[in-house]
Amino acid sequence: MSRSLLIVEFLIVFIALPLAYRFSPVRIPALPLLWGVCGYAAWQLLRDPRFDRSLLWNAAPLTHHLGSILLIFVLAAAGIWLGVHWFAPTFEWGLLRQQTAFWAVVMLAYPVLSVYPQGILYRAFFFERYAVLFPGRWTMIVASAAAFAFLHIVFRNTLAVALTFAGGLLFAFRYAETDSLLTSSVEHALYGCWLFTVGLGQYFYHGTIATVGRVIRR
């Protein structure tokens, strides 16, 4: 694909679609749209003979990097919890205490239905497809994180965008470091599940997942 077409594709997938969703007068479930775009990304990857398909899983690096993943997570999780405890105590453990069944569903479904599709789109596809647009390892990592954060304008709050930019840097770095989408996705899932658990989930869901919550509460 030519550079011009790559730029057009990038603008459509990573800029226009989040903006269209953000300002749509109709609230549409987010997950089916994510799956659709992820399907396009996966199709493009799998039809490219130069793409190493092992990157989509590659479990081997997970064990080697698990120590650093958990160390950073424990420190970050403690900081996030302290922030909630001090500045938003009414949110603390809200989902876990008030909607325990819904929380359990999120813990199981979120890594599979949301984290891994996002990883395919914002790590595997992004790194493979747009290397020519963002040359250099750190340029690519920052660009991936920025695009990942921009997606979260759909949740209509600045906290989601800020946290996902920080997380996006970490997840993109992990993918670049390990060549393992599984390893990056495990790290992503840890933080996402923690945000839902500690009380910040309301900043990160609506649409499909909210509908599931209403069904469970009935």
Protein backbone atom coordinates (compact mmCIF):
# COMPACT_ATOMS: atom_id res chain seq x y z
CA MET A 1 0.00 0.00 0.00
CA SER A 2 1.29 3.46 -0.86
CA ARG A 3 2.20 5.96 1.84
CA SER A 4 -0.75 8.18 0.87
CA LEU A 5 -3.23 5.33 1.25
CA LEU A 6 -1.68 4.36 4.56
CA ILE A 7 -2.21 7.89 5.83
CA VAL A 8 -5.83 7.84 4.68
CA GLU A 9 -6.41 4.47 6.33
CA PHE A 10 -4.78 5.67 9.55
CA LEU A 11 -6.92 8.80 9.64
CA ILE A 12 -10.11 6.82 9.04
CA VAL A 13 -9.46 4.00 11.51
CA PHE A 14 -7.75 5.86 14.34
CA ILE A 15 -9.11 9.41 14.06
CA ALA A 16 -12.37 9.57 12.12
CA LEU A 17 -14.06 6.52 13.62
CA PRO A 18 -13.48 7.50 17.28
CA LEU A 19 -14.62 11.05 16.50
CA ALA A 20 -17.72 9.80 14.70
CA TYR A 21 -18.58 7.56 17.62
CA ARG A 22 -17.89 10.29 20.17
CA PHE A 23 -20.22 12.79 18.51
CA SER A 24 -22.85 10.38 17.24
CA PRO A 25 -26.35 11.40 18.41
CA VAL A 26 -27.16 7.69 18.79
CA ARG A 27 -25.51 5.65 21.54
CA ILE A 28 -24.20 2.48 19.90
CA PRO A 29 -22.70 -0.50 21.78
CA ALA A 30 -18.93 -0.08 21.61
CA LEU A 31 -17.73 -3.67 21.61
CA PRO A 32 -19.32 -4.79 18.31
CA LEU A 33 -17.71 -1.80 16.60
CA LEU A 34 -14.35 -2.66 18.15
CA TRP A 35 -14.70 -6.25 16.95
CA GLY A 36 -15.53 -5.07 13.44
CA VAL A 37 -12.47 -2.83 13.18
CA CYS A 38 -10.34 -5.52 14.84
CA GLY A 39 -11.61 -7.99 12.24
CA TYR A 40 -10.44 -5.68 9.47
CA ALA A 41 -7.02 -5.34 11.15
CA ALA A 42 -6.69 -9.10 11.65
CA TRP A 43 -7.67 -9.74 8.02
CA GLN A 44 -5.00 -7.32 6.80
CA LEU A 45 -2.37 -8.93 9.02
CA LEU A 46 -3.18 -12.50 8.06
CA ARG A 47 -3.21 -11.76 4.35
CA ASP A 48 0.24 -10.19 4.53
CA PRO A 49 2.86 -12.89 3.83
CA ARG A 50 5.53 -10.78 5.55
CA PHE A 51 3.71 -10.74 8.88
CA ASP A 52 4.94 -13.19 11.49
CA ARG A 53 1.74 -14.71 12.85
CA SER A 54 3.49 -15.95 15.97
CA LEU A 55 3.45 -12.35 17.22
CA LEU A 56 -0.30 -12.67 17.80
CA TRP A 57 0.32 -15.11 20.62
CA ASN A 58 3.97 -16.08 21.36
CA ALA A 59 3.56 -17.16 24.98
CA ALA A 60 7.27 -17.80 25.58
CA PRO A 61 8.26 -14.26 26.72
CA LEU A 62 5.47 -14.06 29.31
CA THR A 63 7.30 -16.09 31.95
CA HIS A 64 10.52 -14.13 31.50
CA HIS A 65 8.81 -10.73 31.80
CA LEU A 66 6.21 -11.65 34.41
CA GLY A 67 8.33 -10.38 37.31
CA SER A 68 8.73 -6.87 35.89
CA ILE A 69 5.07 -6.82 34.81
CA LEU A 70 3.89 -7.65 38.33
CA LEU A 71 6.33 -5.27 40.04
CA ILE A 72 5.25 -2.30 37.95
CA PHE A 73 1.61 -3.30 38.33
CA VAL A 74 1.78 -3.52 42.13
CA LEU A 75 3.33 -0.06 42.37
CA ALA A 76 0.90 1.47 39.88
CA ALA A 77 -2.11 -0.28 41.41
CA ALA A 78 -1.20 1.05 44.85
CA GLY A 79 -0.93 4.57 43.45
CA ILE A 80 -4.28 4.28 41.67
CA TRP A 81 -5.95 2.93 44.82
CA LEU A 82 -4.53 5.77 46.92
CA GLY A 83 -5.82 8.27 44.38
CA VAL A 84 -9.31 6.81 44.55
CA HIS A 85 -9.16 6.52 48.35
CA TRP A 86 -8.15 10.14 48.82
CA PHE A 87 -9.95 11.96 46.02
CA ALA A 88 -13.00 9.80 45.25
CA PRO A 89 -13.73 7.62 48.29
CA THR A 90 -17.37 7.17 47.29
CA PHE A 91 -16.17 5.25 44.19
CA GLU A 92 -13.81 2.95 46.08
CA TRP A 93 -14.57 -0.73 45.37
CA GLY A 94 -17.99 0.39 44.12
CA LEU A 95 -18.52 -2.19 41.39
CA LEU A 96 -17.13 -5.02 43.48
CA ARG A 97 -19.34 -4.22 46.48
CA GLN A 98 -22.55 -3.17 44.76
CA GLN A 99 -22.65 -5.37 41.64
CA THR A 100 -20.50 -8.35 42.49
CA ALA A 101 -21.94 -10.61 39.77
CA PHE A 102 -21.36 -7.96 37.13
CA TRP A 103 -17.82 -7.42 38.42
CA ALA A 104 -17.13 -11.17 38.09
CA VAL A 105 -18.41 -11.17 34.50
CA VAL A 106 -16.16 -8.21 33.69
CA MET A 107 -13.12 -9.94 35.18
CA LEU A 108 -13.71 -12.94 32.92
CA ALA A 109 -15.00 -11.28 29.75
CA TYR A 110 -12.99 -8.06 29.59
CA PRO A 111 -9.58 -9.64 28.78
CA VAL A 112 -11.06 -11.72 25.96
CA LEU A 113 -13.72 -9.44 24.49
CA SER A 114 -11.97 -6.08 24.87
CA VAL A 115 -8.27 -6.32 25.74
CA TYR A 116 -7.13 -8.78 23.09
CA PRO A 117 -9.04 -7.09 20.21
CA GLN A 118 -7.55 -3.76 21.27
CA GLY A 119 -4.13 -5.38 21.31
CA ILE A 120 -4.55 -6.66 17.77
CA LEU A 121 -5.59 -3.21 16.55
CA TYR A 122 -3.32 -0.90 18.55
CA ARG A 123 -0.25 -3.07 18.90
CA ALA A 124 0.06 -5.87 16.30
CA PHE A 125 -1.68 -4.09 13.42
CA PHE A 126 -0.43 -0.62 14.30
CA PHE A 127 3.22 -1.68 14.58
CA GLU A 128 3.12 -3.78 11.43
CA ARG A 129 1.10 -1.43 9.27
CA TYR A 130 2.46 2.01 10.11
CA ALA A 131 6.17 1.48 10.66
CA VAL A 132 6.84 3.60 7.59
CA LEU A 133 4.79 6.47 9.03
CA PHE A 134 6.36 6.33 12.50
CA PRO A 135 9.99 5.20 12.04
CA GLY A 136 11.94 4.39 15.16
CA ARG A 137 10.99 2.28 18.16
CA TRP A 138 9.98 5.07 20.52
CA THR A 139 8.23 7.05 17.82
CA MET A 140 6.07 4.00 17.18
CA ILE A 141 5.46 3.40 20.88
CA VAL A 142 4.34 6.99 21.47
CA ALA A 143 2.19 7.01 18.32
CA SER A 144 0.52 3.76 19.36
CA ALA A 145 -0.16 5.10 22.86
CA ALA A 146 -1.55 8.36 21.49
CA ALA A 147 -3.90 6.54 19.12
CA PHE A 148 -4.95 4.19 21.93
CA ALA A 149 -5.69 7.13 24.22
CA PHE A 150 -7.57 8.96 21.47
CA LEU A 151 -9.92 5.99 21.13
CA HIS A 152 -11.03 6.60 24.70
CA ILE A 153 -12.59 9.97 23.88
CA VAL A 154 -15.67 7.81 23.28
CA PHE A 155 -16.08 7.59 27.06
CA ARG A 156 -16.42 11.37 27.27
CA ASN A 157 -14.05 12.03 30.15
CA THR A 158 -10.45 13.20 30.38
CA LEU A 159 -9.47 10.65 33.03
CA ALA A 160 -9.97 7.76 30.60
CA VAL A 161 -7.82 9.48 27.99
CA ALA A 162 -5.03 10.33 30.44
CA LEU A 163 -4.86 6.88 32.02
CA THR A 164 -4.96 5.07 28.70
CA PHE A 165 -2.13 7.18 27.30
CA ALA A 166 0.05 6.16 30.24
CA GLY A 167 -1.08 2.57 29.91
CA GLY A 168 -0.69 2.67 26.15
CA LEU A 169 2.97 3.60 26.50
CA LEU A 170 3.54 0.63 28.78
CA PHE A 171 1.60 -1.86 26.66
CA ALA A 172 3.21 -0.72 23.41
CA PHE A 173 6.65 -0.87 25.00
CA ARG A 174 5.95 -4.38 26.24
CA TYR A 175 4.85 -5.49 22.78
CA ALA A 176 7.93 -3.95 21.17
CA GLU A 177 10.16 -5.51 23.82
CA THR A 178 8.72 -9.03 23.71
CA ASP A 179 7.22 -9.48 20.22
CA SER A 180 4.33 -11.06 22.09
CA LEU A 181 0.78 -9.78 21.93
CA LEU A 182 -0.15 -12.23 24.68
CA THR A 183 2.39 -10.71 27.07
CA SER A 184 1.24 -7.17 26.29
CA SER A 185 -2.40 -8.20 26.62
CA VAL A 186 -1.87 -9.86 30.00
CA GLU A 187 -0.38 -6.61 31.26
CA HIS A 188 -3.23 -4.61 29.72
CA ALA A 189 -5.80 -6.92 31.34
CA LEU A 190 -4.22 -6.51 34.78
CA TYR A 191 -4.63 -2.75 34.70
CA GLY A 192 -8.08 -2.79 33.15
CA CYS A 193 -9.41 -5.29 35.67
CA TRP A 194 -7.87 -3.29 38.49
CA LEU A 195 -9.55 -0.08 37.34
CA PHE A 196 -12.92 -1.82 37.34
CA THR A 197 -12.20 -3.33 40.75
CA VAL A 198 -10.86 -0.27 42.56
CA GLY A 199 -13.80 1.89 41.52
CA LEU A 200 -12.95 3.67 38.27
CA GLY A 201 -14.85 1.35 35.93
CA GLN A 202 -17.60 3.89 35.37
CA TYR A 203 -15.09 5.97 33.41
CA PHE A 204 -14.40 3.10 31.01
CA TYR A 205 -17.66 1.46 30.05
CA HIS A 206 -21.00 2.03 28.43
CA GLY A 207 -22.95 0.44 25.60
CA THR A 208 -22.57 -3.33 25.47
CA ILE A 209 -20.98 -3.81 28.87
CA ALA A 210 -23.52 -1.54 30.54
CA THR A 211 -26.31 -3.56 28.94
CA VAL A 212 -24.81 -6.74 30.37
CA GLY A 213 -24.78 -5.09 33.78
CA ARG A 214 -28.47 -4.20 33.55
CA VAL A 215 -29.36 -7.76 32.57
CA ILE A 216 -27.41 -9.19 35.52
CA ARG A 217 -29.03 -6.79 37.98
CA ARG A 218 -32.45 -7.99 36.88
